[in-house]
């Protein structure tokens, strides 16, 4: 019997084989959004989900939504550079409190 391999050594290959590698990287984009977006943007936004190449971000106020629309391509480029792969194809901005995934509204704090 061969020695057992550490989980950390086989997990990336298994994720790729199961077709889950891009989804895992996309969820990293959710958790690492503040770092990539920067403090000024992160204080007014919150990444809430990732699905089919799209990062969904709640935004505080329509003025911020408008401004972020102009930065969309740059944010996608920065996210993919940060993740080391072209995983995020789009960033969708929506007003804070309209998220249906959890059923809860909310303030960005």
N, C-alpha and C. Protein backbone atom coordinates (compact mmCIF):
# COMPACT_ATOMS: atom_id res chain seq x y z
N UNK A 1 0.84 -1.18 0.00
CA UNK A 1 0.00 0.00 0.00
C UNK A 1 0.88 1.25 0.00
N UNK A 2 0.58 2.17 -0.87
CA UNK A 2 1.33 3.41 -0.95
C UNK A 2 0.94 4.33 0.20
N UNK A 3 1.85 5.28 0.49
CA UNK A 3 1.56 6.26 1.53
C UNK A 3 0.42 7.18 1.09
N UNK A 4 -0.30 7.68 2.04
CA UNK A 4 -1.40 8.58 1.75
C UNK A 4 -0.87 9.96 1.39
N UNK A 5 -1.52 10.60 0.43
CA UNK A 5 -1.16 11.96 0.05
C UNK A 5 -1.96 12.94 0.91
N UNK A 6 -1.36 14.06 1.25
CA UNK A 6 -2.11 15.07 2.00
C UNK A 6 -3.25 15.62 1.16
N UNK A 7 -4.34 15.93 1.81
CA UNK A 7 -5.51 16.48 1.13
C UNK A 7 -5.16 17.72 0.31
N UNK A 8 -4.30 18.56 0.84
CA UNK A 8 -3.91 19.80 0.14
C UNK A 8 -3.24 19.49 -1.20
N UNK A 9 -2.63 18.32 -1.32
CA UNK A 9 -1.96 17.95 -2.56
C UNK A 9 -2.93 17.45 -3.62
N UNK A 10 -4.03 16.85 -3.21
CA UNK A 10 -4.95 16.28 -4.20
C UNK A 10 -6.19 17.13 -4.45
N UNK A 11 -6.51 18.03 -3.52
CA UNK A 11 -7.74 18.82 -3.63
C UNK A 11 -7.81 19.67 -4.90
N UNK A 12 -6.76 20.40 -5.30
CA UNK A 12 -6.86 21.20 -6.52
C UNK A 12 -7.19 20.37 -7.76
N UNK A 13 -6.55 19.22 -7.90
CA UNK A 13 -6.83 18.35 -9.04
C UNK A 13 -8.25 17.80 -9.01
N UNK A 14 -8.71 17.45 -7.84
CA UNK A 14 -10.07 16.95 -7.68
C UNK A 14 -11.09 18.03 -8.02
N UNK A 15 -10.86 19.25 -7.54
CA UNK A 15 -11.77 20.36 -7.84
C UNK A 15 -11.83 20.60 -9.35
N UNK A 16 -10.67 20.56 -10.01
CA UNK A 16 -10.62 20.74 -11.46
C UNK A 16 -11.39 19.62 -12.15
N UNK A 17 -11.15 18.39 -11.73
CA UNK A 17 -11.81 17.22 -12.32
C UNK A 17 -13.33 17.30 -12.18
N UNK A 18 -13.81 17.81 -11.06
CA UNK A 18 -15.24 17.93 -10.82
C UNK A 18 -15.86 19.19 -11.43
N UNK A 19 -15.02 20.03 -12.03
CA UNK A 19 -15.51 21.26 -12.63
C UNK A 19 -15.85 22.34 -11.61
N UNK A 20 -15.24 22.29 -10.46
CA UNK A 20 -15.54 23.23 -9.39
C UNK A 20 -14.45 24.28 -9.16
N UNK A 21 -13.36 24.19 -9.89
CA UNK A 21 -12.23 25.09 -9.65
C UNK A 21 -12.61 26.54 -9.89
N UNK A 22 -13.31 26.83 -10.99
CA UNK A 22 -13.69 28.22 -11.28
C UNK A 22 -14.66 28.76 -10.24
N UNK A 23 -15.60 27.93 -9.80
CA UNK A 23 -16.54 28.37 -8.77
C UNK A 23 -15.82 28.69 -7.47
N UNK A 24 -14.85 27.87 -7.11
CA UNK A 24 -14.08 28.12 -5.89
C UNK A 24 -13.32 29.43 -6.00
N UNK A 25 -12.71 29.67 -7.15
CA UNK A 25 -11.99 30.93 -7.36
C UNK A 25 -12.97 32.11 -7.34
N UNK A 26 -14.16 31.91 -7.90
CA UNK A 26 -15.17 32.97 -7.89
C UNK A 26 -15.61 33.33 -6.47
N UNK A 27 -15.74 32.32 -5.62
CA UNK A 27 -16.10 32.61 -4.23
C UNK A 27 -14.95 33.27 -3.48
N UNK A 28 -13.73 33.02 -3.93
CA UNK A 28 -12.60 33.79 -3.38
C UNK A 28 -12.76 35.27 -3.72
N UNK A 29 -13.29 35.55 -4.91
CA UNK A 29 -13.53 36.94 -5.31
C UNK A 29 -14.52 37.60 -4.35
N UNK A 30 -15.51 36.84 -3.88
CA UNK A 30 -16.48 37.38 -2.92
C UNK A 30 -15.77 37.76 -1.63
N UNK A 31 -14.99 36.84 -1.10
CA UNK A 31 -14.37 37.10 0.20
C UNK A 31 -13.22 38.11 0.11
N UNK A 32 -12.58 38.20 -1.03
CA UNK A 32 -11.43 39.09 -1.17
C UNK A 32 -11.77 40.40 -1.89
N UNK A 33 -13.06 40.64 -2.12
CA UNK A 33 -13.52 41.87 -2.77
C UNK A 33 -12.95 43.13 -2.11
N UNK A 34 -13.02 43.26 -0.78
CA UNK A 34 -12.52 44.50 -0.18
C UNK A 34 -11.05 44.78 -0.51
N UNK A 35 -10.25 43.75 -0.53
CA UNK A 35 -8.83 43.91 -0.84
C UNK A 35 -8.63 44.36 -2.29
N UNK A 36 -9.38 43.79 -3.21
CA UNK A 36 -9.23 44.11 -4.63
C UNK A 36 -9.85 45.47 -4.95
N UNK A 37 -11.03 45.73 -4.40
CA UNK A 37 -11.74 46.97 -4.70
C UNK A 37 -11.06 48.19 -4.08
N UNK A 38 -10.41 47.99 -2.96
CA UNK A 38 -9.78 49.11 -2.26
C UNK A 38 -10.72 49.69 -1.21
N UNK A 39 -10.15 50.36 -0.25
CA UNK A 39 -10.90 50.85 0.90
C UNK A 39 -12.05 51.78 0.56
N UNK A 40 -11.83 52.71 -0.35
CA UNK A 40 -12.87 53.70 -0.70
C UNK A 40 -14.12 53.01 -1.25
N UNK A 41 -13.93 52.05 -2.14
CA UNK A 41 -15.06 51.33 -2.73
C UNK A 41 -15.62 50.31 -1.74
N UNK A 42 -14.75 49.62 -1.03
CA UNK A 42 -15.19 48.57 -0.10
C UNK A 42 -16.07 49.11 1.01
N UNK A 43 -15.86 50.37 1.40
CA UNK A 43 -16.70 50.95 2.45
C UNK A 43 -18.14 51.15 2.00
N UNK A 44 -18.38 51.20 0.71
CA UNK A 44 -19.71 51.46 0.16
C UNK A 44 -20.32 50.27 -0.56
N UNK A 45 -19.62 49.14 -0.55
CA UNK A 45 -20.09 47.97 -1.29
C UNK A 45 -19.86 46.70 -0.49
N UNK A 46 -20.50 45.63 -0.94
CA UNK A 46 -20.27 44.31 -0.34
C UNK A 46 -20.55 43.25 -1.41
N UNK A 47 -19.55 42.44 -1.72
CA UNK A 47 -19.74 41.32 -2.64
C UNK A 47 -20.57 40.26 -1.91
N UNK A 48 -21.63 39.78 -2.58
CA UNK A 48 -22.54 38.87 -1.89
C UNK A 48 -22.62 37.48 -2.51
N UNK A 49 -22.28 37.34 -3.80
CA UNK A 49 -22.37 36.01 -4.40
C UNK A 49 -21.59 35.97 -5.71
N UNK A 50 -21.36 34.73 -6.17
CA UNK A 50 -20.70 34.49 -7.44
C UNK A 50 -21.44 33.35 -8.12
N UNK A 51 -21.79 33.57 -9.39
CA UNK A 51 -22.48 32.52 -10.13
C UNK A 51 -22.25 32.71 -11.62
N UNK A 52 -21.87 31.64 -12.28
CA UNK A 52 -21.69 31.64 -13.73
C UNK A 52 -20.81 32.79 -14.23
N UNK A 53 -19.71 33.03 -13.53
CA UNK A 53 -18.77 34.05 -13.96
C UNK A 53 -19.12 35.47 -13.55
N UNK A 54 -20.20 35.64 -12.81
CA UNK A 54 -20.64 36.98 -12.42
C UNK A 54 -20.54 37.16 -10.92
N UNK A 55 -19.83 38.21 -10.52
CA UNK A 55 -19.74 38.59 -9.11
C UNK A 55 -20.85 39.61 -8.84
N UNK A 56 -21.69 39.34 -7.87
CA UNK A 56 -22.79 40.23 -7.51
C UNK A 56 -22.40 41.05 -6.29
N UNK A 57 -22.53 42.37 -6.44
CA UNK A 57 -22.08 43.30 -5.42
C UNK A 57 -23.21 44.24 -5.05
N UNK A 58 -23.49 44.33 -3.74
CA UNK A 58 -24.46 45.31 -3.23
C UNK A 58 -23.76 46.64 -3.09
N UNK A 59 -24.48 47.70 -3.43
CA UNK A 59 -23.90 49.04 -3.43
C UNK A 59 -24.78 49.98 -2.62
N UNK A 60 -24.13 50.84 -1.86
CA UNK A 60 -24.82 51.84 -1.05
C UNK A 60 -25.11 53.07 -1.91
N UNK A 61 -26.33 53.18 -2.40
CA UNK A 61 -26.75 54.39 -3.12
C UNK A 61 -26.56 54.34 -4.63
N UNK A 62 -27.45 55.03 -5.31
CA UNK A 62 -27.44 55.03 -6.78
C UNK A 62 -26.26 55.79 -7.36
N UNK A 63 -25.77 56.81 -6.68
CA UNK A 63 -24.60 57.54 -7.19
C UNK A 63 -23.39 56.61 -7.26
N UNK A 64 -23.22 55.78 -6.24
CA UNK A 64 -22.12 54.82 -6.25
C UNK A 64 -22.32 53.79 -7.34
N UNK A 65 -23.54 53.33 -7.55
CA UNK A 65 -23.81 52.36 -8.62
C UNK A 65 -23.41 52.95 -9.96
N UNK A 66 -23.76 54.20 -10.18
CA UNK A 66 -23.43 54.87 -11.43
C UNK A 66 -21.91 54.96 -11.61
N UNK A 67 -21.21 55.39 -10.57
CA UNK A 67 -19.75 55.52 -10.66
C UNK A 67 -19.08 54.17 -10.90
N UNK A 68 -19.54 53.14 -10.20
CA UNK A 68 -18.93 51.82 -10.34
C UNK A 68 -19.18 51.22 -11.71
N UNK A 69 -20.26 51.62 -12.35
CA UNK A 69 -20.51 51.16 -13.72
C UNK A 69 -19.37 51.53 -14.64
N UNK A 70 -18.77 52.69 -14.43
CA UNK A 70 -17.64 53.13 -15.24
C UNK A 70 -16.36 52.35 -14.92
N UNK A 71 -16.30 51.78 -13.73
CA UNK A 71 -15.11 51.05 -13.29
C UNK A 71 -15.22 49.54 -13.50
N UNK A 72 -16.35 49.08 -14.02
CA UNK A 72 -16.63 47.64 -14.13
C UNK A 72 -15.49 46.86 -14.79
N UNK A 73 -15.06 47.29 -15.97
CA UNK A 73 -14.02 46.55 -16.69
C UNK A 73 -12.70 46.49 -15.90
N UNK A 74 -12.35 47.61 -15.30
CA UNK A 74 -11.12 47.65 -14.51
C UNK A 74 -11.23 46.72 -13.30
N UNK A 75 -12.40 46.69 -12.65
CA UNK A 75 -12.59 45.81 -11.51
C UNK A 75 -12.51 44.34 -11.91
N UNK A 76 -13.11 43.99 -13.04
CA UNK A 76 -13.02 42.60 -13.53
C UNK A 76 -11.57 42.24 -13.79
N UNK A 77 -10.85 43.13 -14.45
CA UNK A 77 -9.43 42.88 -14.76
C UNK A 77 -8.62 42.71 -13.46
N UNK A 78 -8.85 43.58 -12.48
CA UNK A 78 -8.13 43.49 -11.21
C UNK A 78 -8.48 42.22 -10.44
N UNK A 79 -9.75 41.84 -10.46
CA UNK A 79 -10.15 40.61 -9.78
C UNK A 79 -9.45 39.40 -10.39
N UNK A 80 -9.47 39.30 -11.70
CA UNK A 80 -8.85 38.16 -12.36
C UNK A 80 -7.34 38.13 -12.15
N UNK A 81 -6.73 39.29 -12.15
CA UNK A 81 -5.28 39.35 -11.87
C UNK A 81 -5.02 38.87 -10.44
N UNK A 82 -5.84 39.30 -9.53
CA UNK A 82 -5.69 38.91 -8.12
C UNK A 82 -5.89 37.40 -7.94
N UNK A 83 -6.87 36.85 -8.66
CA UNK A 83 -7.18 35.42 -8.53
C UNK A 83 -6.20 34.55 -9.31
N UNK A 84 -5.49 35.14 -10.26
CA UNK A 84 -4.56 34.37 -11.07
C UNK A 84 -5.21 33.56 -12.16
N UNK A 85 -6.44 33.90 -12.51
CA UNK A 85 -7.18 33.19 -13.56
C UNK A 85 -8.33 34.06 -14.05
N UNK A 86 -8.74 33.85 -15.29
CA UNK A 86 -9.87 34.60 -15.85
C UNK A 86 -11.18 33.92 -15.47
N UNK A 87 -11.59 34.15 -14.25
CA UNK A 87 -12.78 33.51 -13.68
C UNK A 87 -13.97 34.45 -13.69
N UNK A 88 -13.74 35.71 -13.36
CA UNK A 88 -14.81 36.70 -13.28
C UNK A 88 -14.98 37.34 -14.65
N UNK A 89 -16.17 37.18 -15.23
CA UNK A 89 -16.46 37.78 -16.53
C UNK A 89 -17.22 39.09 -16.40
N UNK A 90 -17.92 39.27 -15.28
CA UNK A 90 -18.72 40.48 -15.10
C UNK A 90 -18.89 40.75 -13.61
N UNK A 91 -19.15 42.00 -13.29
CA UNK A 91 -19.53 42.40 -11.94
C UNK A 91 -20.87 43.10 -12.07
N UNK A 92 -21.86 42.62 -11.35
CA UNK A 92 -23.19 43.24 -11.35
C UNK A 92 -23.40 43.97 -10.06
N UNK A 93 -23.82 45.21 -10.19
CA UNK A 93 -24.07 46.04 -9.03
C UNK A 93 -25.56 46.18 -8.82
N UNK A 94 -25.99 46.08 -7.56
CA UNK A 94 -27.40 46.30 -7.25
C UNK A 94 -27.50 47.01 -5.91
N UNK A 95 -28.60 47.71 -5.71
CA UNK A 95 -28.76 48.47 -4.45
C UNK A 95 -28.71 47.55 -3.24
N UNK A 96 -28.09 48.00 -2.19
CA UNK A 96 -28.03 47.23 -0.95
C UNK A 96 -29.44 46.98 -0.44
N UNK A 97 -29.64 45.79 0.11
CA UNK A 97 -30.95 45.45 0.67
C UNK A 97 -31.90 44.80 -0.32
N UNK A 98 -31.48 44.62 -1.59
CA UNK A 98 -32.36 43.98 -2.57
C UNK A 98 -31.97 42.54 -2.82
N UNK A 99 -31.02 42.04 -2.07
CA UNK A 99 -30.52 40.69 -2.25
C UNK A 99 -31.60 39.68 -1.89
N UNK A 100 -31.84 38.74 -2.79
CA UNK A 100 -32.88 37.73 -2.53
C UNK A 100 -32.31 36.44 -1.98
N UNK A 101 -30.97 36.22 -2.07
CA UNK A 101 -30.38 34.97 -1.63
C UNK A 101 -30.65 34.68 -0.17
N UNK A 102 -30.56 35.69 0.70
CA UNK A 102 -30.72 35.42 2.12
C UNK A 102 -32.06 35.87 2.66
N UNK A 103 -32.74 36.69 1.85
CA UNK A 103 -34.02 37.19 2.31
C UNK A 103 -33.90 38.32 3.30
N UNK A 104 -32.67 38.75 3.59
CA UNK A 104 -32.51 39.82 4.56
C UNK A 104 -32.00 41.07 3.89
N UNK A 105 -32.56 42.17 4.26
CA UNK A 105 -32.04 43.45 3.77
C UNK A 105 -30.82 43.77 4.60
N UNK A 106 -30.33 44.96 4.44
CA UNK A 106 -29.21 45.23 5.30
C UNK A 106 -28.50 46.51 4.99
N UNK A 107 -27.85 46.96 5.99
CA UNK A 107 -26.99 48.12 5.84
C UNK A 107 -25.59 47.65 5.57
N UNK A 108 -24.87 48.44 4.84
CA UNK A 108 -23.46 48.14 4.63
C UNK A 108 -22.70 48.82 5.74
N UNK A 109 -22.00 48.05 6.54
CA UNK A 109 -21.23 48.62 7.64
C UNK A 109 -19.82 48.10 7.60
